[in-house]
Amino acid sequence: MIKLGVIGLTPGNGHPYSWPAIINGSFHSEEISQAGYPGISTYLTANRDLLGIDGAQVTHIWTHDAAISGHIAKAVAISNVVARPEEMIGQVDGVLLLRDDPEQVLALSRLFIDAGIPLFVDKPLATNAADLAYFSEQAARGKFIMSCSSMRYATECRAVKNELGALGPLVLATAVGKKDWIKYGVHMLEALFMLLDDPTPVAVQHVSKADKDIVYVEFSDGFRATLHLFMDISLTFQLSLFGKDGWRLIDVKNWYGMFRDNISEFIRSVREGKPRLAFEKTETIIRTLLAARESLEQGGRVIHLS
């Protein structure tokens, strides 16, 4: 049995409820809804017959608030609430760090990296070059670090990836999402890079303004993509691919499917002893994310990636 610990919670991010429910196969819908995540209750209920991952269990949880930790544990059948995150060391085989406030992620990650415990860090891994350099150095030393947006495993994107040949040579890719660039632009980058087999970005330009992010990404083969993140549109995550012979619109909606596949890949990685997702792919996406912010801060200057 793979024993997992969960680190959480940040406002608006219900993963510390949903991911353990998917793994443990148990949840209390009313408790999750009362915590402010009725959408999670809805998709867990719709997929109740698929809940549970054989050979794995979330056994420990820590959050910044003991009452929140206790509520999550009750809602999704976690047996151990710890007072300090380091109490998980020696008790779990892997840790899911499910906070999306990167300013806290480094210190929490270091505890488990230093202890040699396999670690999954929820997106985004880092929001500055120094933190990214730390994670890159540790990964190069062989430390088990896996991080990505679950959009990499979106079933809608993978279905279209199987059809790319029918589109002919690609001419343009676009992506549209809601909310801020750093926390949600990473979703669109992850999906786009997966679709394109993780190409090499060479230049990034942010041509709009904060809360209305429009970003150009140019790749080493000359192909270009545009990404749009707007705060004041209805929630959507869509990608479009345009080729000389056809096009496809991808409307991402199956949250449960992408989360389950992401979790499964981490658990498989723990069993195999190394991340199944190469760290270099995550590093490239975070570098692209940060370059777009740098471009915005410099008035839309093109940032070249070495």
Protein backbone atom coordinates (compact mmCIF):
# COMPACT_ATOMS: atom_id res chain seq x y z
CA MET A 1 0.00 0.00 0.00
CA ILE A 2 1.30 3.43 -0.99
CA LYS A 3 0.68 5.80 1.92
CA LEU A 4 0.34 9.46 1.00
CA GLY A 5 0.33 12.70 2.93
CA VAL A 6 -1.50 15.84 1.84
CA ILE A 7 -0.43 19.41 2.49
CA GLY A 8 -3.07 22.17 2.08
CA LEU A 9 -5.20 24.48 2.03
CA THR A 10 -5.29 27.83 0.23
CA PRO A 11 -8.48 29.85 -0.37
CA GLY A 12 -10.31 28.85 -3.53
CA ASN A 13 -8.29 25.67 -4.08
CA GLY A 14 -10.30 22.61 -3.11
CA HIS A 15 -7.76 19.99 -4.15
CA PRO A 16 -7.09 18.93 -0.52
CA TYR A 17 -10.72 17.76 -0.51
CA SER A 18 -11.03 16.35 -4.01
CA TRP A 19 -7.73 14.54 -4.50
CA PRO A 20 -7.89 12.46 -1.29
CA ALA A 21 -11.52 11.63 -2.11
CA ILE A 22 -10.46 10.33 -5.52
CA ILE A 23 -7.70 8.22 -3.94
CA ASN A 24 -9.50 7.00 -0.82
CA GLY A 25 -12.82 6.42 -2.55
CA SER A 26 -14.84 8.11 0.16
CA PHE A 27 -16.32 11.57 0.66
CA HIS A 28 -19.13 13.42 2.43
CA SER A 29 -20.83 15.64 -0.12
CA GLU A 30 -22.47 18.01 2.37
CA GLU A 31 -19.22 18.59 4.26
CA ILE A 32 -17.38 19.53 1.06
CA SER A 33 -20.19 21.78 -0.12
CA GLN A 34 -20.34 23.54 3.24
CA ALA A 35 -16.60 24.17 3.00
CA GLY A 36 -17.29 26.21 -0.13
CA TYR A 37 -16.74 23.64 -2.89
CA PRO A 38 -20.13 22.51 -4.21
CA GLY A 39 -18.61 21.97 -7.67
CA ILE A 40 -16.28 19.35 -6.21
CA SER A 41 -19.21 17.58 -4.56
CA THR A 42 -20.99 17.56 -7.91
CA TYR A 43 -18.23 15.91 -9.93
CA LEU A 44 -17.31 13.49 -7.15
CA THR A 45 -20.96 12.42 -6.93
CA ALA A 46 -21.18 12.02 -10.71
CA ASN A 47 -18.13 9.75 -10.63
CA ARG A 48 -18.84 7.94 -7.36
CA ASP A 49 -18.60 4.53 -9.04
CA LEU A 50 -15.04 5.31 -10.21
CA LEU A 51 -13.66 6.61 -6.92
CA GLY A 52 -10.72 4.91 -5.24
CA ILE A 53 -7.24 4.04 -6.51
CA ASP A 54 -6.12 0.50 -5.74
CA GLY A 55 -2.98 0.18 -3.68
CA ALA A 56 -2.92 3.78 -2.46
CA GLN A 57 -4.37 5.67 0.49
CA VAL A 58 -4.11 9.21 1.82
CA THR A 59 -3.32 8.57 5.47
CA HIS A 60 -2.04 11.93 6.76
CA ILE A 61 -2.98 15.60 6.38
CA TRP A 62 -1.62 18.94 7.54
CA THR A 63 -2.93 22.44 6.92
CA HIS A 64 -2.14 25.77 8.57
CA ASP A 65 -5.30 25.40 10.69
CA ALA A 66 -6.06 22.36 12.82
CA ALA A 67 -9.81 22.86 12.44
CA ILE A 68 -9.53 22.86 8.65
CA SER A 69 -7.31 19.78 8.76
CA GLY A 70 -9.87 18.00 10.90
CA HIS A 71 -12.71 18.97 8.59
CA ILE A 72 -10.89 17.69 5.51
CA ALA A 73 -9.97 14.46 7.31
CA LYS A 74 -13.60 13.89 8.26
CA ALA A 75 -14.88 14.74 4.78
CA VAL A 76 -12.58 12.39 2.85
CA ALA A 77 -11.62 9.64 5.32
CA ILE A 78 -8.06 10.60 6.26
CA SER A 79 -7.09 8.87 9.48
CA ASN A 80 -4.23 11.04 10.75
CA VAL A 81 -4.15 14.79 11.31
CA VAL A 82 -0.66 16.04 12.15
CA ALA A 83 0.26 19.23 13.99
CA ARG A 84 3.38 19.85 11.89
CA PRO A 85 4.09 18.77 8.31
CA GLU A 86 7.40 17.15 9.25
CA GLU A 87 5.50 14.63 11.38
CA MET A 88 4.66 12.86 8.11
CA ILE A 89 8.31 11.98 7.54
CA GLY A 90 8.78 8.26 8.08
CA GLN A 91 5.02 7.69 7.98
CA VAL A 92 4.23 8.21 4.28
CA ASP A 93 5.67 7.07 0.95
CA GLY A 94 4.89 10.29 -0.89
CA VAL A 95 3.47 13.76 -0.37
CA LEU A 96 0.94 15.78 -2.37
CA LEU A 97 1.63 19.46 -1.73
CA LEU A 98 -1.73 20.90 -2.74
CA ARG A 99 -1.25 24.58 -2.00
CA ASP A 100 -1.13 27.08 -4.85
CA ASP A 101 0.59 29.90 -2.95
CA PRO A 102 4.16 29.45 -4.23
CA GLU A 103 5.58 31.85 -1.64
CA GLN A 104 5.00 29.04 0.91
CA VAL A 105 5.80 26.12 -1.36
CA LEU A 106 9.59 26.24 -1.18
CA ALA A 107 9.89 25.90 2.59
CA LEU A 108 7.29 23.13 2.73
CA SER A 109 8.88 21.29 -0.19
CA ARG A 110 12.35 21.45 1.34
CA LEU A 111 11.22 19.37 4.32
CA PHE A 112 10.37 16.40 2.12
CA ILE A 113 13.07 16.88 -0.51
CA ASP A 114 15.71 16.81 2.22
CA ALA A 115 14.08 13.69 3.69
CA GLY A 116 14.10 11.95 0.30
CA ILE A 117 10.31 11.58 0.15
CA PRO A 118 8.69 11.65 -3.33
CA LEU A 119 6.92 14.96 -3.76
CA PHE A 120 4.19 16.25 -6.03
CA VAL A 121 3.83 20.06 -6.05
CA ASP A 122 0.58 21.48 -7.34
CA LYS A 123 0.84 24.16 -10.01
CA PRO A 124 2.62 26.51 -10.32
CA LEU A 125 5.89 25.08 -9.02
CA ALA A 126 7.53 28.49 -8.67
CA THR A 127 6.83 32.16 -9.33
CA ASN A 128 10.39 33.43 -9.36
CA ALA A 129 13.67 32.37 -10.93
CA ALA A 130 15.42 31.70 -7.61
CA ASP A 131 12.84 29.16 -6.43
CA LEU A 132 12.81 27.49 -9.85
CA ALA A 133 16.60 27.25 -9.73
CA TYR A 134 16.38 25.48 -6.36
CA PHE A 135 13.93 22.89 -7.65
CA SER A 136 15.98 22.41 -10.83
CA GLU A 137 19.14 21.84 -8.82
CA GLN A 138 17.43 19.32 -6.55
CA ALA A 139 15.93 17.45 -9.51
CA ALA A 140 19.36 17.34 -11.17
CA ARG A 141 20.70 15.74 -7.98
CA GLY A 142 18.14 12.98 -8.35
CA LYS A 143 15.54 14.21 -5.87
CA PHE A 144 12.01 13.03 -6.66
CA ILE A 145 10.08 16.17 -7.65
CA MET A 146 7.01 16.08 -9.87
CA SER A 147 4.87 19.10 -10.67
CA CYS A 148 2.36 20.07 -13.33
CA SER A 149 -1.12 21.30 -14.03
CA SER A 150 -3.63 18.49 -14.43
CA MET A 151 -4.44 20.00 -17.83
CA ARG A 152 -1.55 17.87 -19.08
CA TYR A 153 -3.84 14.88 -18.58
CA ALA A 154 -7.09 16.42 -19.84
CA THR A 155 -9.01 13.74 -21.73
CA GLU A 156 -10.35 16.28 -24.22
CA CYS A 157 -6.82 17.36 -25.17
CA ARG A 158 -5.51 13.82 -25.47
CA ALA A 159 -8.39 12.85 -27.73
CA VAL A 160 -7.51 15.67 -30.13
CA LYS A 161 -3.82 14.84 -29.92
CA ASN A 162 -4.68 11.52 -31.55
CA GLU A 163 -6.20 13.45 -34.46
CA LEU A 164 -3.41 15.95 -35.10
CA GLY A 165 -2.30 14.18 -38.26
CA ALA A 166 -5.66 14.93 -39.89
CA LEU A 167 -5.11 18.68 -39.46
CA GLY A 168 -2.05 18.79 -41.67
CA PRO A 169 0.83 21.13 -40.81
CA LEU A 170 -0.20 23.30 -37.89
CA VAL A 171 -0.35 27.04 -38.51
CA LEU A 172 -1.66 28.44 -35.22
CA ALA A 173 -2.70 27.42 -31.73
CA THR A 174 -4.77 29.55 -29.36
CA ALA A 175 -5.80 29.10 -25.74
CA VAL A 176 -8.39 30.96 -23.67
CA GLY A 177 -8.86 30.84 -19.92
CA LYS A 178 -10.07 32.81 -16.92
CA LYS A 179 -8.33 34.42 -13.94
CA ASP A 180 -4.74 35.46 -13.42
CA TRP A 181 -1.72 34.61 -15.55
CA ILE A 182 0.53 32.97 -12.96
CA LYS A 183 -1.94 30.57 -11.32
CA TYR A 184 -4.12 29.88 -14.36
CA GLY A 185 -1.94 30.64 -17.36
CA VAL A 186 0.05 27.60 -16.31
CA HIS A 187 -3.04 25.47 -17.06
CA MET A 188 -3.16 26.66 -20.65
CA LEU A 189 0.60 26.32 -21.15
CA GLU A 190 0.52 22.76 -19.79
CA ALA A 191 -2.29 21.68 -22.11
CA LEU A 192 -0.73 23.41 -25.11
CA PHE A 193 2.76 22.03 -24.55
CA MET A 194 1.39 18.50 -24.10
CA LEU A 195 -0.56 18.76 -27.36
CA LEU A 196 2.56 19.91 -29.21
CA ASP A 197 4.86 17.26 -27.66
CA ASP A 198 6.59 19.76 -25.38
CA PRO A 199 8.27 21.98 -27.98
CA THR A 200 11.12 24.38 -27.19
CA PRO A 201 9.96 27.97 -26.64
CA VAL A 202 12.41 30.61 -27.82
CA ALA A 203 10.55 33.90 -27.31
CA VAL A 204 7.64 35.19 -25.22
CA GLN A 205 5.78 38.50 -25.42
CA HIS A 206 2.98 39.85 -23.26
CA VAL A 207 1.09 42.42 -25.34
CA SER A 208 -1.76 43.39 -23.04
CA LYS A 209 -2.09 44.22 -19.33
CA ALA A 210 -2.69 42.51 -16.03
CA ASP A 211 -6.18 40.97 -15.74
CA LYS A 212 -6.31 40.97 -19.54
CA ASP A 213 -3.35 38.80 -20.42
CA ILE A 214 -2.52 38.20 -24.07
CA VAL A 215 0.70 36.29 -24.57
CA TYR A 216 2.56 35.20 -27.70
CA VAL A 217 4.85 32.19 -27.52
CA GLU A 218 7.23 31.39 -30.37
CA PHE A 219 8.85 27.97 -30.64
CA SER A 220 12.15 26.86 -32.10
CA ASP A 221 10.53 25.63 -35.32
CA GLY A 222 8.90 29.03 -35.90
CA PHE A 223 5.42 27.95 -34.81
CA ARG A 224 3.46 30.50 -32.77
CA ALA A 225 0.71 30.25 -30.18
CA THR A 226 -1.38 32.90 -28.46
CA LEU A 227 -2.79 32.58 -24.96
CA HIS A 228 -5.53 34.72 -23.43
CA LEU A 229 -6.34 34.93 -19.70
CA PHE A 230 -9.10 37.38 -18.77
CA MET A 231 -10.48 37.92 -15.28
CA ASP A 232 -13.91 39.11 -16.37
CA ILE A 233 -15.11 36.36 -18.68
CA SER A 234 -17.17 33.33 -17.75
CA LEU A 235 -15.07 30.39 -16.61
CA THR A 236 -13.69 28.52 -19.58
CA PHE A 237 -10.62 26.63 -20.67
CA GLN A 238 -10.52 26.24 -24.41
CA LEU A 239 -7.82 25.54 -26.97
CA SER A 240 -8.00 25.71 -30.75
CA LEU A 241 -5.60 24.18 -33.24
CA PHE A 242 -5.55 25.35 -36.85
CA GLY A 243 -3.80 23.38 -39.60
CA LYS A 244 -3.70 23.60 -43.36
CA ASP A 245 -6.19 20.74 -43.68
CA GLY A 246 -8.44 21.14 -40.65
CA TRP A 247 -8.98 22.55 -37.17
CA ARG A 248 -10.18 21.44 -33.75
CA LEU A 249 -11.75 23.25 -30.80
CA ILE A 250 -11.05 21.72 -27.40
CA ASP A 251 -13.42 22.59 -24.56
CA VAL A 252 -11.96 21.27 -21.31
CA LYS A 253 -14.63 20.26 -18.79
CA ASN A 254 -13.80 16.82 -17.37
CA TRP A 255 -12.11 17.92 -14.16
CA TYR A 256 -12.49 14.54 -12.51
CA GLY A 257 -10.80 12.70 -15.36
CA MET A 258 -7.75 14.95 -15.48
CA PHE A 259 -7.31 14.95 -11.72
CA ARG A 260 -7.57 11.17 -11.47
CA ASP A 261 -5.07 10.61 -14.28
CA ASN A 262 -2.64 13.11 -12.76
CA ILE A 263 -2.87 11.44 -9.36
CA SER A 264 -2.48 8.00 -10.93
CA GLU A 265 0.69 9.10 -12.71
CA PHE A 266 2.19 10.30 -9.44
CA ILE A 267 1.31 7.07 -7.66
CA ARG A 268 2.78 5.03 -10.53
CA SER A 269 5.88 7.19 -10.27
CA VAL A 270 6.22 6.48 -6.55
CA ARG A 271 5.98 2.75 -7.25
CA GLU A 272 8.61 3.01 -10.01
CA GLY A 273 10.93 5.16 -7.92
CA LYS A 274 11.15 8.17 -10.24
CA PRO A 275 8.81 10.75 -11.79
CA ARG A 276 7.15 9.63 -15.00
CA LEU A 277 6.98 13.29 -16.04
CA ALA A 278 10.45 14.62 -16.82
CA PHE A 279 11.29 17.62 -14.68
CA GLU A 280 12.69 19.42 -17.71
CA LYS A 281 9.17 19.70 -19.14
CA THR A 282 7.90 21.38 -15.99
CA GLU A 283 10.92 23.66 -15.86
CA THR A 284 10.33 24.82 -19.45
CA ILE A 285 6.70 25.65 -18.74
CA ILE A 286 7.54 27.64 -15.60
CA ARG A 287 10.28 29.53 -17.43
CA THR A 288 7.75 30.45 -20.13
CA LEU A 289 5.22 31.51 -17.48
CA LEU A 290 7.78 33.77 -15.79
CA ALA A 291 9.04 35.21 -19.09
CA ALA A 292 5.53 36.40 -19.94
CA ARG A 293 5.28 38.20 -16.61
CA GLU A 294 8.69 39.76 -17.20
CA SER A 295 7.54 40.94 -20.62
CA LEU A 296 4.47 42.56 -19.07
CA GLU A 297 6.61 44.31 -16.45
CA GLN A 298 8.85 45.64 -19.23
CA GLY A 299 6.03 47.09 -21.28
CA GLY A 300 5.62 44.20 -23.69
CA ARG A 301 9.27 43.66 -24.60
CA VAL A 302 10.01 40.35 -26.29
CA ILE A 303 11.80 38.04 -23.84
CA HIS A 304 14.15 35.56 -25.48
CA LEU A 305 14.59 32.22 -23.74
CA SER A 306 18.02 30.64 -23.92
